[in-house]
C-alpha atoms as a PDB file:
ATOM      1  CA  MET A   1      16.022 125.646  52.043  1.00  0.00           C
ATOM      2  CA  ASN A   2      19.001 123.610  53.339  1.00  0.00           C
ATOM      3  CA  ASN A   3      21.519 124.408  50.724  1.00  0.00           C
ATOM      4  CA  GLY A   4      20.766 128.037  49.479  1.00  0.00           C
ATOM      5  CA  ASN A   5      23.379 130.364  48.914  1.00  0.00           C
ATOM      6  CA  ILE A   6      21.489 132.995  51.113  1.00  0.00           C
ATOM      7  CA  LEU A   7      22.246 132.761  54.879  1.00  0.00           C
ATOM      8  CA  VAL A   8      19.555 134.154  56.780  1.00  0.00           C
ATOM      9  CA  VAL A   9      20.252 134.222  60.489  1.00  0.00           C
ATOM     10  CA  ALA A  10      17.291 134.394  62.885  1.00  0.00           C
ATOM     11  CA  HIS A  11      16.595 133.521  66.399  1.00  0.00           C
ATOM     12  CA  GLY A  12      16.835 130.249  67.644  1.00  0.00           C
ATOM     13  CA  GLU A  13      13.852 128.580  69.928  1.00  0.00           C
ATOM     14  CA  LYS A  14      13.205 130.902  73.118  1.00  0.00           C
ATOM     15  CA  ARG A  15      16.199 133.223  71.979  1.00  0.00           C
ATOM     16  CA  GLY A  16      14.450 136.164  71.299  1.00  0.00           C
ATOM     17  CA  ARG A  17      11.357 137.949  70.105  1.00  0.00           C
ATOM     18  CA  CYS A  18       9.513 136.657  67.141  1.00  0.00           C
ATOM     19  CA  VAL A  19       7.285 138.723  64.495  1.00  0.00           C
ATOM     20  CA  PRO A  20       5.452 137.099  61.869  1.00  0.00           C
ATOM     21  CA  THR A  21       6.915 138.996  58.701  1.00  0.00           C
ATOM     22  CA  GLY A  22       9.629 136.518  58.037  1.00  0.00           C
ATOM     23  CA  ASP A  23       7.087 133.664  58.070  1.00  0.00           C
ATOM     24  CA  ALA A  24       4.790 135.634  55.840  1.00  0.00           C
ATOM     25  CA  PHE A  25       7.356 136.697  53.280  1.00  0.00           C
ATOM     26  CA  LEU A  26       8.517 133.122  53.071  1.00  0.00           C
ATOM     27  CA  ARG A  27       5.014 132.054  52.410  1.00  0.00           C
ATOM     28  CA  ARG A  28       4.765 134.637  49.860  1.00  0.00           C
ATOM     29  CA  LEU A  29       7.767 133.365  47.917  1.00  0.00           C
ATOM     30  CA  ALA A  30       6.361 129.903  48.210  1.00  0.00           C
ATOM     31  CA  MET A  31       3.120 131.445  46.754  1.00  0.00           C
ATOM     32  CA  THR A  32       4.610 133.132  43.629  1.00  0.00           C
ATOM     33  CA  ASP A  33       7.343 130.371  43.059  1.00  0.00           C
ATOM     34  CA  ASN A  34      10.001 132.830  43.536  1.00  0.00           C
ATOM     35  CA  PRO A  35      13.185 131.486  42.567  1.00  0.00           C
ATOM     36  CA  LEU A  36      14.457 133.327  45.972  1.00  0.00           C
ATOM     37  CA  LEU A  37      12.941 130.598  48.102  1.00  0.00           C
ATOM     38  CA  MET A  38      15.349 128.243  46.744  1.00  0.00           C
ATOM     39  CA  ASP A  39      18.475 130.321  47.596  1.00  0.00           C
ATOM     40  CA  ILE A  40      17.348 130.770  51.253  1.00  0.00           C
ATOM     41  CA  ARG A  41      18.524 128.664  54.265  1.00  0.00           C
ATOM     42  CA  ILE A  42      17.511 129.772  57.638  1.00  0.00           C
ATOM     43  CA  HIS A  43      20.162 129.519  60.554  1.00  0.00           C
ATOM     44  CA  ARG A  44      19.041 129.486  64.008  1.00  0.00           C
ATOM     45  CA  THR A  45      21.116 131.113  66.768  1.00  0.00           C
ATOM     46  CA  GLY A  46      21.863 128.339  69.302  1.00  0.00           C
ATOM     47  CA  THR A  47      22.917 125.655  66.866  1.00  0.00           C
ATOM     48  CA  GLY A  48      26.487 126.112  66.298  1.00  0.00           C
ATOM     49  CA  LYS A  49      28.500 127.598  62.950  1.00  0.00           C
ATOM     50  CA  PRO A  50      26.815 127.983  59.785  1.00  0.00           C
ATOM     51  CA  ASP A  51      28.691 126.562  56.869  1.00  0.00           C
ATOM     52  CA  LEU A  52      29.182 129.630  54.702  1.00  0.00           C
ATOM     53  CA  THR A  53      30.267 127.436  51.268  1.00  0.00           C
ATOM     54  CA  ASN A  54      28.735 129.118  48.292  1.00  0.00           C
ATOM     55  CA  VAL A  55      26.864 131.505  50.261  1.00  0.00           C
ATOM     56  CA  SER A  56      26.936 135.145  48.775  1.00  0.00           C
ATOM     57  CA  LEU A  57      24.898 137.333  50.986  1.00  0.00           C
ATOM     58  CA  VAL A  58      23.942 136.949  54.780  1.00  0.00           C
ATOM     59  CA  ILE A  59      20.944 138.706  55.929  1.00  0.00           C
ATOM     60  CA  PHE A  60      20.551 139.188  60.004  1.00  0.00           C
ATOM     61  CA  TRP A  61      16.684 138.902  60.996  1.00  0.00           C
ATOM     62  CA  LEU A  62      17.646 139.553  64.512  1.00  0.00           C
ATOM     63  CA  GLY A  63      15.381 141.471  67.182  1.00  0.00           C
ATOM     64  CA  ASP A  64      16.963 145.105  68.211  1.00  0.00           C
ATOM     65  CA  PRO A  65      18.881 146.849  70.151  1.00  0.00           C
ATOM     66  CA  LEU A  66      20.612 143.106  69.548  1.00  0.00           C
ATOM     67  CA  LYS A  67      23.446 143.789  71.807  1.00  0.00           C
ATOM     68  CA  GLN A  68      21.653 145.185  74.633  1.00  0.00           C
ATOM     69  CA  LYS A  69      18.686 142.949  74.528  1.00  0.00           C
ATOM     70  CA  TYR A  70      19.969 139.435  73.340  1.00  0.00           C
ATOM     71  CA  PRO A  71      23.900 139.554  74.133  1.00  0.00           C
ATOM     72  CA  GLU A  72      24.401 135.527  73.215  1.00  0.00           C
ATOM     73  CA  CYS A  73      22.606 136.105  69.961  1.00  0.00           C
ATOM     74  CA  TYR A  74      24.518 139.203  69.227  1.00  0.00           C
ATOM     75  CA  LEU A  75      27.815 137.556  69.702  1.00  0.00           C
ATOM     76  CA  GLU A  76      26.844 134.298  67.767  1.00  0.00           C
ATOM     77  CA  ALA A  77      26.023 136.838  65.022  1.00  0.00           C
ATOM     78  CA  LEU A  78      29.306 138.840  65.199  1.00  0.00           C
ATOM     79  CA  GLU A  79      30.860 135.760  64.657  1.00  0.00           C
ATOM     80  CA  VAL A  80      29.096 135.015  61.826  1.00  0.00           C
ATOM     81  CA  ALA A  81      29.253 138.368  60.203  1.00  0.00           C
ATOM     82  CA  THR A  82      33.003 138.391  60.856  1.00  0.00           C
ATOM     83  CA  ALA A  83      33.448 135.207  58.968  1.00  0.00           C
ATOM     84  CA  ALA A  84      31.491 136.547  56.257  1.00  0.00           C
ATOM     85  CA  GLN A  85      33.326 139.854  55.855  1.00  0.00           C
ATOM     86  CA  ASP A  86      36.470 137.750  55.769  1.00  0.00           C
ATOM     87  CA  ALA A  87      35.063 135.672  52.760  1.00  0.00           C
ATOM     88  CA  GLY A  88      33.993 138.963  50.796  1.00  0.00           C
ATOM     89  CA  ILE A  89      30.125 137.708  51.215  1.00  0.00           C
ATOM     90  CA  LYS A  90      27.681 140.751  51.332  1.00  0.00           C
ATOM     91  CA  ILE A  91      25.831 141.237  54.441  1.00  0.00           C
ATOM     92  CA  ILE A  92      22.425 142.984  55.431  1.00  0.00           C
ATOM     93  CA  ASN A  93      22.193 144.430  58.538  1.00  0.00           C
ATOM     94  CA  HIS A  94      25.298 143.739  60.141  1.00  0.00           C
ATOM     95  CA  PRO A  95      24.526 142.907  64.119  1.00  0.00           C
ATOM     96  CA  ASP A  96      26.390 145.978  65.203  1.00  0.00           C
ATOM     97  CA  ALA A  97      23.943 148.188  63.423  1.00  0.00           C
ATOM     98  CA  LEU A  98      21.404 146.139  64.797  1.00  0.00           C
ATOM     99  CA  SER A  99      22.810 147.164  68.296  1.00  0.00           C
ATOM    100  CA  MET A 100      22.662 151.245  67.282  1.00  0.00           C
ATOM    101  CA  THR A 101      18.830 151.077  67.833  1.00  0.00           C
ATOM    102  CA  THR A 102      18.197 152.242  71.093  1.00  0.00           C
ATOM    103  CA  LYS A 103      16.013 155.435  71.254  1.00  0.00           C
ATOM    104  CA  SER A 104      18.841 157.670  73.082  1.00  0.00           C
ATOM    105  CA  ARG A 105      21.770 156.150  70.456  1.00  0.00           C
ATOM    106  CA  GLN A 106      19.473 156.514  67.322  1.00  0.00           C
ATOM    107  CA  ALA A 107      18.258 159.875  68.352  1.00  0.00           C
ATOM    108  CA  HIS A 108      22.403 160.944  68.573  1.00  0.00           C
ATOM    109  CA  ILE A 109      23.073 159.439  65.523  1.00  0.00           C
ATOM    110  CA  TRP A 110      20.458 161.477  63.564  1.00  0.00           C
ATOM    111  CA  HIS A 111      21.427 164.576  65.215  1.00  0.00           C
ATOM    112  CA  GLU A 112      24.877 164.706  64.145  1.00  0.00           C
ATOM    113  CA  HIS A 113      23.902 164.018  60.608  1.00  0.00           C
ATOM    114  CA  ASP A 114      20.883 166.370  60.513  1.00  0.00           C
ATOM    115  CA  VAL A 115      18.194 164.135  59.968  1.00  0.00           C
ATOM    116  CA  PRO A 116      15.214 165.594  60.916  1.00  0.00           C
ATOM    117  CA  SER A 117      14.391 163.957  64.244  1.00  0.00           C
ATOM    118  CA  ALA A 118      13.168 164.490  67.903  1.00  0.00           C
ATOM    119  CA  ARG A 119      16.154 165.122  70.335  1.00  0.00           C
ATOM    120  CA  GLY A 120      16.649 162.080  72.586  1.00  0.00           C
ATOM    121  CA  VAL A 121      18.605 161.863  76.235  1.00  0.00           C
ATOM    122  CA  ALA A 122      19.272 158.506  77.928  1.00  0.00           C
ATOM    123  CA  VAL A 123      18.309 157.894  81.356  1.00  0.00           C
ATOM    124  CA  GLN A 124      19.868 154.964  82.865  1.00  0.00           C
ATOM    125  CA  HIS A 125      19.297 155.879  86.554  1.00  0.00           C
ATOM    126  CA  ALA A 126      16.190 157.554  88.180  1.00  0.00           C
ATOM    127  CA  SER A 127      18.855 160.432  89.310  1.00  0.00           C
ATOM    128  CA  GLU A 128      19.280 161.453  85.780  1.00  0.00           C
ATOM    129  CA  LEU A 129      15.477 162.132  84.674  1.00  0.00           C
ATOM    130  CA  THR A 130      15.505 165.819  86.103  1.00  0.00           C
ATOM    131  CA  SER A 131      18.715 166.860  83.833  1.00  0.00           C
ATOM    132  CA  ALA A 132      17.370 164.966  80.769  1.00  0.00           C
ATOM    133  CA  ILE A 133      14.048 166.478  81.073  1.00  0.00           C
ATOM    134  CA  GLU A 134      16.088 169.863  81.289  1.00  0.00           C
ATOM    135  CA  GLN A 135      17.773 169.430  78.207  1.00  0.00           C
ATOM    136  CA  VAL A 136      15.404 168.200  75.966  1.00  0.00           C
ATOM    137  CA  GLY A 137      12.596 170.395  77.292  1.00  0.00           C
ATOM    138  CA  PHE A 138       8.989 170.412  77.887  1.00  0.00           C
ATOM    139  CA  PRO A 139       6.625 168.399  76.125  1.00  0.00           C
ATOM    140  CA  CYS A 140       8.551 165.846  75.971  1.00  0.00           C
ATOM    141  CA  LEU A 141       7.977 161.875  75.948  1.00  0.00           C
ATOM    142  CA  MET A 142       9.505 159.330  78.200  1.00  0.00           C
ATOM    143  CA  ARG A 143       9.706 155.588  77.011  1.00  0.00           C
ATOM    144  CA  SER A 144      11.715 152.619  77.011  1.00  0.00           C
ATOM    145  CA  ASP A 145      15.133 152.884  75.284  1.00  0.00           C
ATOM    146  CA  GLN A 146      15.277 149.833  73.989  1.00  0.00           C
ATOM    147  CA  GLU A 147      11.734 148.840  72.988  1.00  0.00           C
ATOM    148  CA  HIS A 148       9.638 149.538  69.521  1.00  0.00           C
ATOM    149  CA  ALA A 149       5.944 149.030  70.871  1.00  0.00           C
ATOM    150  CA  GLN A 150       4.182 152.024  71.625  1.00  0.00           C
ATOM    151  CA  ARG A 151       2.946 151.206  74.803  1.00  0.00           C
ATOM    152  CA  ASN A 152       4.372 152.688  77.799  1.00  0.00           C
ATOM    153  CA  VAL A 153       4.971 155.941  76.469  1.00  0.00           C
ATOM    154  CA  ILE A 154       3.977 158.993  78.419  1.00  0.00           C
ATOM    155  CA  ARG A 155       3.834 162.483  77.726  1.00  0.00           C
ATOM    156  CA  ILE A 156       5.019 164.704  80.260  1.00  0.00           C
ATOM    157  CA  THR A 157       4.226 168.492  79.973  1.00  0.00           C
ATOM    158  CA  SER A 158       5.374 169.615  83.579  1.00  0.00           C
ATOM    159  CA  LYS A 159       7.480 168.718  86.657  1.00  0.00           C
ATOM    160  CA  SER A 160       4.629 167.423  88.303  1.00  0.00           C
ATOM    161  CA  ASP A 161       4.241 165.069  85.322  1.00  0.00           C
ATOM    162  CA  ALA A 162       7.324 163.718  85.947  1.00  0.00           C
ATOM    163  CA  GLU A 163       7.406 163.285  89.572  1.00  0.00           C
ATOM    164  CA  ARG A 164       4.134 161.027  89.165  1.00  0.00           C
ATOM    165  CA  VAL A 165       6.130 158.522  86.749  1.00  0.00           C
ATOM    166  CA  ASN A 166       6.928 155.420  87.827  1.00  0.00           C
ATOM    167  CA  LEU A 167      10.959 155.335  86.295  1.00  0.00           C
ATOM    168  CA  GLU A 168      11.629 152.393  87.266  1.00  0.00           C
ATOM    169  CA  ALA A 169       9.728 150.256  85.100  1.00  0.00           C
ATOM    170  CA  LEU A 170      10.785 152.068  82.045  1.00  0.00           C
ATOM    171  CA  LEU A 171      14.511 151.785  82.634  1.00  0.00           C
ATOM    172  CA  PRO A 172      16.648 152.023  80.644  1.00  0.00           C
ATOM    173  CA  ALA A 173      14.518 155.074  79.528  1.00  0.00           C
ATOM    174  CA  VAL A 174      14.675 157.628  77.090  1.00  0.00           C
ATOM    175  CA  VAL A 175      13.285 161.350  77.265  1.00  0.00           C
ATOM    176  CA  LEU A 176      12.570 162.268  73.571  1.00  0.00           C
ATOM    177  CA  LYS A 177      11.249 165.987  72.390  1.00  0.00           C
ATOM    178  CA  CYS A 178       7.784 165.898  71.825  1.00  0.00           C
ATOM    179  CA  TYR A 179       6.295 167.696  68.663  1.00  0.00           C
ATOM    180  CA  ASP A 180       2.563 168.184  68.335  1.00  0.00           C
ATOM    181  CA  VAL A 181       2.503 167.687  64.115  1.00  0.00           C
ATOM    182  CA  ARG A 182      -1.371 168.111  64.443  1.00  0.00           C
ATOM    183  CA  ASP A 183      -1.149 171.361  66.409  1.00  0.00           C
ATOM    184  CA  GLU A 184       1.481 172.745  63.383  1.00  0.00           C
ATOM    185  CA  TYR A 185      -1.190 171.941  60.990  1.00  0.00           C
ATOM    186  CA  ARG A 186      -3.765 173.734  63.060  1.00  0.00           C
ATOM    187  CA  SER A 187      -1.487 176.801  63.624  1.00  0.00           C
ATOM    188  CA  VAL A 188      -0.676 177.356  59.785  1.00  0.00           C
ATOM    189  CA  GLY A 189      -4.719 177.465  59.315  1.00  0.00           C
ATOM    190  CA  TRP A 190      -4.901 174.494  57.521  1.00  0.00           C
ATOM    191  CA  ASP A 191      -8.551 173.055  56.210  1.00  0.00           C
ATOM    192  CA  SER A 192     -10.281 172.221  59.841  1.00  0.00           C
ATOM    193  CA  ASP A 193     -11.932 169.063  57.951  1.00  0.00           C
ATOM    194  CA  SER A 194      -8.797 167.396  56.922  1.00  0.00           C
ATOM    195  CA  LEU A 195      -7.873 164.359  58.968  1.00  0.00           C
ATOM    196  CA  PHE A 196      -4.281 166.003  59.500  1.00  0.00           C
ATOM    197  CA  TYR A 197      -5.865 168.973  61.388  1.00  0.00           C
ATOM    198  CA  ARG A 198      -8.201 166.753  63.321  1.00  0.00           C
ATOM    199  CA  PHE A 199      -6.286 164.100  64.612  1.00  0.00           C
ATOM    200  CA  HIS A 200      -2.748 162.921  64.740  1.00  0.00           C
ATOM    201  CA  HIS A 201      -1.065 160.804  62.773  1.00  0.00           C
ATOM    202  CA  LYS A 202       1.843 158.283  61.897  1.00  0.00           C
ATOM    203  CA  ALA A 203       3.160 157.414  58.762  1.00  0.00           C
ATOM    204  CA  ARG A 204       5.465 154.163  57.945  1.00  0.00           C
ATOM    205  CA  ALA A 205       7.460 153.554  54.947  1.00  0.00           C
ATOM    206  CA  ILE A 206      10.064 150.345  54.639  1.00  0.00           C
ATOM    207  CA  VAL A 207      13.618 151.501  53.512  1.00  0.00           C
ATOM    208  CA  PHE A 208      16.071 149.055  51.557  1.00  0.00           C
ATOM    209  CA  GLN A 209      19.089 150.970  51.158  1.00  0.00           C
ATOM    210  CA  ASP A 210      18.220 153.792  48.274  1.00  0.00           C
ATOM    211  CA  ARG A 211      14.900 152.675  47.756  1.00  0.00           C
ATOM    212  CA  VAL A 212      11.685 153.201  49.588  1.00  0.00           C
ATOM    213  CA  ILE A 213       7.912 152.132  49.864  1.00  0.00           C
ATOM    214  CA  GLY A 214       5.181 153.281  51.869  1.00  0.00           C
ATOM    215  CA  SER A 215       3.385 150.890  53.956  1.00  0.00           C
ATOM    216  CA  HIS A 216       0.539 152.546  55.911  1.00  0.00           C
ATOM    217  CA  LEU A 217      -0.754 155.734  57.147  1.00  0.00           C
ATOM    218  CA  PHE A 218      -2.734 155.471  60.583  1.00  0.00           C
ATOM    219  CA  PHE A 219      -4.800 158.374  62.354  1.00  0.00           C
ATOM    220  CA  SER A 220      -5.518 158.634  66.032  1.00  0.00           C
ATOM    221  CA  LYS A 221      -7.071 160.809  68.959  1.00  0.00           C
ATOM    222  CA  ASP A 222      -3.765 160.123  70.925  1.00  0.00           C
ATOM    223  CA  CYS A 223      -0.604 162.136  70.491  1.00  0.00           C
ATOM    224  CA  ILE A 224       1.393 158.423  70.309  1.00  0.00           C
ATOM    225  CA  VAL A 225       0.028 156.921  67.196  1.00  0.00           C
ATOM    226  CA  GLY A 226      -0.003 152.888  66.941  1.00  0.00           C
ATOM    227  CA  LEU A 227      -2.127 150.074  65.335  1.00  0.00           C
ATOM    228  CA  SER A 228      -3.988 149.375  69.106  1.00  0.00           C
ATOM    229  CA  ASN A 229      -5.170 153.383  69.766  1.00  0.00           C
ATOM    230  CA  SER A 230      -5.408 154.166  65.761  1.00  0.00           C
ATOM    231  CA  LEU A 231      -9.052 154.987  64.322  1.00  0.00           C
ATOM    232  CA  PHE A 232      -8.720 152.017  62.050  1.00  0.00           C
ATOM    233  CA  ALA A 233      -8.558 149.660  65.162  1.00  0.00           C
ATOM    234  CA  ARG A 234     -11.605 151.617  66.560  1.00  0.00           C
ATOM    235  CA  GLU A 235     -13.523 151.164  63.525  1.00  0.00           C
ATOM    236  CA  GLU A 236     -12.895 147.218  63.555  1.00  0.00           C
ATOM    237  CA  ARG A 237     -14.623 146.917  66.755  1.00  0.00           C
ATOM    238  CA  PRO A 238     -18.192 145.317  66.227  1.00  0.00           C
ATOM    239  CA  ARG A 239     -20.312 148.325  67.693  1.00  0.00           C
ATOM    240  CA  ARG A 240     -18.772 150.701  64.755  1.00  0.00           C
ATOM    241  CA  ASN A 241     -19.009 148.325  62.291  1.00  0.00           C
ATOM    242  CA  PHE A 242     -22.680 148.157  63.058  1.00  0.00           C
ATOM    243  CA  ALA A 243     -23.291 151.379  63.723  1.00  0.00           C
ATOM    244  CA  ARG A 244     -21.773 152.163  59.721  1.00  0.00           C
ATOM    245  CA  ARG A 245     -24.467 149.587  58.708  1.00  0.00           C
ATOM    246  CA  LEU A 246     -26.800 152.304  59.978  1.00  0.00           C
ATOM    247  CA  GLY A 247     -24.867 154.818  58.236  1.00  0.00           C
ATOM    248  CA  TYR A 248     -22.724 156.081  60.519  1.00  0.00           C
ATOM    249  CA  HIS A 249     -19.111 157.454  60.296  1.00  0.00           C
ATOM    250  CA  ARG A 250     -19.108 156.059  57.197  1.00  0.00           C
ATOM    251  CA  HIS A 251     -17.390 159.374  55.625  1.00  0.00           C
ATOM    252  CA  LEU A 252     -14.624 159.397  58.190  1.00  0.00           C
ATOM    253  CA  LEU A 253     -13.747 155.509  57.483  1.00  0.00           C
ATOM    254  CA  ASN A 254     -13.646 156.281  53.767  1.00  0.00           C
ATOM    255  CA  GLU A 255     -11.600 159.184  53.965  1.00  0.00           C
ATOM    256  CA  MET A 256      -9.003 157.548  56.257  1.00  0.00           C
ATOM    257  CA  ILE A 257      -9.093 154.456  53.807  1.00  0.00           C
ATOM    258  CA  GLY A 258      -8.490 156.759  50.803  1.00  0.00           C
ATOM    259  CA  LEU A 259      -5.631 158.772  52.561  1.00  0.00           C
ATOM    260  CA  ASP A 260      -4.234 155.318  53.208  1.00  0.00           C
ATOM    261  CA  LYS A 261      -4.344 153.788  50.023  1.00  0.00           C
ATOM    262  CA  LYS A 262      -3.044 156.957  48.366  1.00  0.00           C
ATOM    263  CA  TYR A 263       0.260 157.136  50.709  1.00  0.00           C
ATOM    264  CA  PHE A 264       0.742 153.737  49.874  1.00  0.00           C
ATOM    265  CA  ALA A 265       0.375 154.342  45.869  1.00  0.00           C
ATOM    266  CA  GLU A 266       2.911 157.187  46.120  1.00  0.00           C
ATOM    267  CA  VAL A 267       6.462 157.711  46.576  1.00  0.00           C
ATOM    268  CA  PRO A 268       6.538 158.972  49.928  1.00  0.00           C
ATOM    269  CA  LYS A 269       7.492 162.432  50.884  1.00  0.00           C
ATOM    270  CA  GLY A 270      11.105 162.912  52.304  1.00  0.00           C
ATOM    271  CA  HIS A 271      12.227 159.846  50.580  1.00  0.00           C
ATOM    272  CA  GLU A 272      15.775 161.372  50.881  1.00  0.00           C
ATOM    273  CA  GLU A 273      15.499 161.836  54.391  1.00  0.00           C
ATOM    274  CA  LEU A 274      14.464 158.475  54.884  1.00  0.00           C
ATOM    275  CA  VAL A 275      17.301 156.774  52.984  1.00  0.00           C
ATOM    276  CA  LYS A 276      19.664 158.742  54.975  1.00  0.00           C
ATOM    277  CA  ALA A 277      18.160 157.864  58.355  1.00  0.00           C
ATOM    278  CA  VAL A 278      18.809 154.144  57.891  1.00  0.00           C
ATOM    279  CA  ALA A 279      22.080 154.598  56.059  1.00  0.00           C
ATOM    280  CA  VAL A 280      23.418 156.750  58.887  1.00  0.00           C
ATOM    281  CA  MET A 281      22.548 153.936  61.183  1.00  0.00           C
ATOM    282  CA  GLY A 282      24.704 151.661  59.273  1.00  0.00           C
ATOM    283  CA  LEU A 283      21.733 149.715  58.453  1.00  0.00           C
ATOM    284  CA  ASP A 284      20.393 148.285  54.877  1.00  0.00           C
ATOM    285  CA  PHE A 285      16.877 147.668  55.856  1.00  0.00           C
ATOM    286  CA  ALA A 286      14.153 149.021  58.075  1.00  0.00           C
ATOM    287  CA  ALA A 287      10.640 150.184  58.966  1.00  0.00           C
ATOM    288  CA  VAL A 288      10.632 154.182  59.705  1.00  0.00           C
ATOM    289  CA  ASP A 289       7.703 155.648  61.326  1.00  0.00           C
ATOM    290  CA  TYR A 290       7.432 159.473  61.084  1.00  0.00           C
ATOM    291  CA  SER A 291       4.916 162.249  60.587  1.00  0.00           C
ATOM    292  CA  LEU A 292       3.988 164.559  57.748  1.00  0.00           C
ATOM    293  CA  ARG A 293       4.384 168.140  57.935  1.00  0.00           C
ATOM    294  CA  PRO A 294       2.442 170.840  56.660  1.00  0.00           C
ATOM    295  CA  ASN A 295       5.161 172.699  55.003  1.00  0.00           C
ATOM    296  CA  GLY A 296       6.031 169.044  53.231  1.00  0.00           C
ATOM    297  CA  SER A 297       8.900 168.443  55.252  1.00  0.00           C
ATOM    298  CA  ILE A 298       9.196 164.869  57.773  1.00  0.00           C
ATOM    299  CA  LEU A 299       9.712 164.262  61.301  1.00  0.00           C
ATOM    300  CA  ILE A 300      11.163 160.733  61.924  1.00  0.00           C
ATOM    301  CA  TRP A 301      10.445 158.996  65.046  1.00  0.00           C
ATOM    302  CA  GLU A 302      12.167 155.790  64.476  1.00  0.00           C
ATOM    303  CA  ALA A 303      13.757 153.133  62.736  1.00  0.00           C
ATOM    304  CA  ASN A 304      12.869 149.456  63.152  1.00  0.00           C
ATOM    305  CA  PRO A 305      14.554 146.834  61.291  1.00  0.00           C
ATOM    306  CA  TYR A 306      12.868 143.608  62.592  1.00  0.00           C
ATOM    307  CA  PHE A 307       9.480 144.901  61.936  1.00  0.00           C
ATOM    308  CA  TYR A 308       5.826 143.606  62.488  1.00  0.00           C
ATOM    309  CA  LEU A 309       4.252 142.746  58.763  1.00  0.00           C
ATOM    310  CA  PRO A 310       1.669 140.126  59.386  1.00  0.00           C
ATOM    311  CA  ASP A 311      -0.186 138.197  56.532  1.00  0.00           C
ATOM    312  CA  GLY A 312      -2.414 140.679  54.768  1.00  0.00           C
ATOM    313  CA  ARG A 313      -5.672 138.849  56.148  1.00  0.00           C
ATOM    314  CA  ASP A 314      -4.281 139.730  59.473  1.00  0.00           C
ATOM    315  CA  SER A 315      -4.093 143.398  59.022  1.00  0.00           C
ATOM    316  CA  VAL A 316      -6.203 145.821  60.321  1.00  0.00           C
ATOM    317  CA  LEU A 317      -9.678 146.326  57.938  1.00  0.00           C
ATOM    318  CA  SER A 318      -7.846 143.901  55.624  1.00  0.00           C
ATOM    319  CA  ALA A 319     -10.499 144.032  53.155  1.00  0.00           C
ATOM    320  CA  GLN A 320     -11.442 147.453  52.999  1.00  0.00           C
ATOM    321  CA  ARG A 321      -7.481 148.732  52.753  1.00  0.00           C
ATOM    322  CA  ASP A 322      -7.001 146.082  50.207  1.00  0.00           C
ATOM    323  CA  ALA A 323      -4.419 144.761  52.902  1.00  0.00           C
ATOM    324  CA  VAL A 324      -4.006 141.525  50.836  1.00  0.00           C
ATOM    325  CA  ALA A 325      -2.413 142.781  47.952  1.00  0.00           C
ATOM    326  CA  ARG A 326      -0.709 145.675  49.697  1.00  0.00           C
ATOM    327  CA  VAL A 327       1.001 143.073  51.863  1.00  0.00           C
ATOM    328  CA  ASN A 328       1.575 141.298  48.762  1.00  0.00           C
ATOM    329  CA  GLN A 329       3.505 144.009  46.987  1.00  0.00           C
ATOM    330  CA  SER A 330       5.480 144.747  49.720  1.00  0.00           C
ATOM    331  CA  PHE A 331       6.749 141.468  50.021  1.00  0.00           C
ATOM    332  CA  ASP A 332       7.735 141.101  46.511  1.00  0.00           C
ATOM    333  CA  TRP A 333       9.466 144.424  46.512  1.00  0.00           C
ATOM    334  CA  ILE A 334      11.379 143.329  49.229  1.00  0.00           C
ATOM    335  CA  ALA A 335      12.064 140.105  47.427  1.00  0.00           C
ATOM    336  CA  ASP A 336      13.231 141.886  44.556  1.00  0.00           C
ATOM    337  CA  ASN A 337      15.836 144.052  46.648  1.00  0.00           C
ATOM    338  CA  ILE A 338      17.349 141.163  47.982  1.00  0.00           C
ATOM    339  CA  ALA A 339      17.607 139.821  44.614  1.00  0.00           C
ATOM    340  CA  ARG A 340      18.968 142.961  43.446  1.00  0.00           C
ATOM    341  CA  MET A 341      21.530 143.191  46.425  1.00  0.00           C
ATOM    342  CA  LYS A 342      22.486 139.497  45.870  1.00  0.00           C
ATOM    343  CA  ALA A 343      23.563 139.810  42.339  1.00  0.00           C
ATOM    344  CA  ASP A 344      25.276 143.486  42.215  1.00  0.00           C
ATOM    345  CA  ARG A 345      24.879 145.367  45.226  1.00  0.00           C
ATOM    346  CA  PRO A 346      27.475 146.147  48.151  1.00  0.00           C
ATOM    347  CA  ALA A 347      26.595 146.440  51.670  1.00  0.00           C
ATOM    348  CA  LEU A 348      26.449 149.652  53.050  1.00  0.00           C
ATOM    349  CA  THR A 349      29.315 150.822  55.156  1.00  0.00           C
ATOM    350  CA  ILE A 350      28.754 149.449  58.853  1.00  0.00           C
ATOM    351  CA  VAL A 351      29.398 151.538  62.005  1.00  0.00           C
ATOM    352  CA  SER A 352      30.343 150.204  65.000  1.00  0.00           C
ATOM    353  CA  SER A 353      28.491 149.834  68.098  1.00  0.00           C
ATOM    354  CA  GLN A 354      31.609 149.372  69.945  1.00  0.00           C
END
């Protein structure tokens, strides 16, 4: 992969967080003898300037928010992007767009463009917390403004809750409006046996310009839904697995898997809103987490352009969820979109982070 005409700019050693997505994607290309593999050349930050001769597409696969978390990588990437633009080379996920993904900035952009999402207010100093909560209102969520992980997300329902927060550990932080979508299902008289009535949920889709594919649908007892606290993760534990062998909990697992598979197989609801959410941030490609509301609309929580998608064998409940086939299909879809963009699609308009 030394002479390819697709340049992928990635973090150099010890210069940024690594996720398994990129390596798993390359292995899939190799497994399927995809000609795209021979087109790809990896350039690591911290290794000098890349040669752009014969390059027709530059992909920035870097942790975000890039400028805030990895300023040296941002400056290097920006130099590559500027040279690529001057040469008329197409770009996927410009470094400036990768620097727009702090939770507060993301919320502001979405609010400006009427994207269905939660309002957010940045908190740079402890003295700003009270004002931020007053602007957003109760209940609200407090979390790091620069992290995608669902850990250390705090739900605040009162002033006393806010007073107990160890804010210094989160700064820079963001206060986001908290919507209880499970309660929306309950308040409209939804079927009480439905998983959406009984549990909180989070859907994830992958957006590539104007195209969208479903990724997963998780349920949880917690309002903040992530892999670690999902019911899938719970059902993977040895005790739950043993109980199912005795006939317990089978219906719940089968129902969750059925909805998860159905979500993956269909065009996600809110396709236009998902595309818009990514586009208005200047991004070409991102995973988007959101909730499905009982009236058929969606509520978008975050866009993550440097997302976690491991080999299907490493996915939660891999065999039961057909994860290997699903992840392979997702990687094939991404490869098709990269090839499509390389051939004839210009990059989206980039918004500046300055």
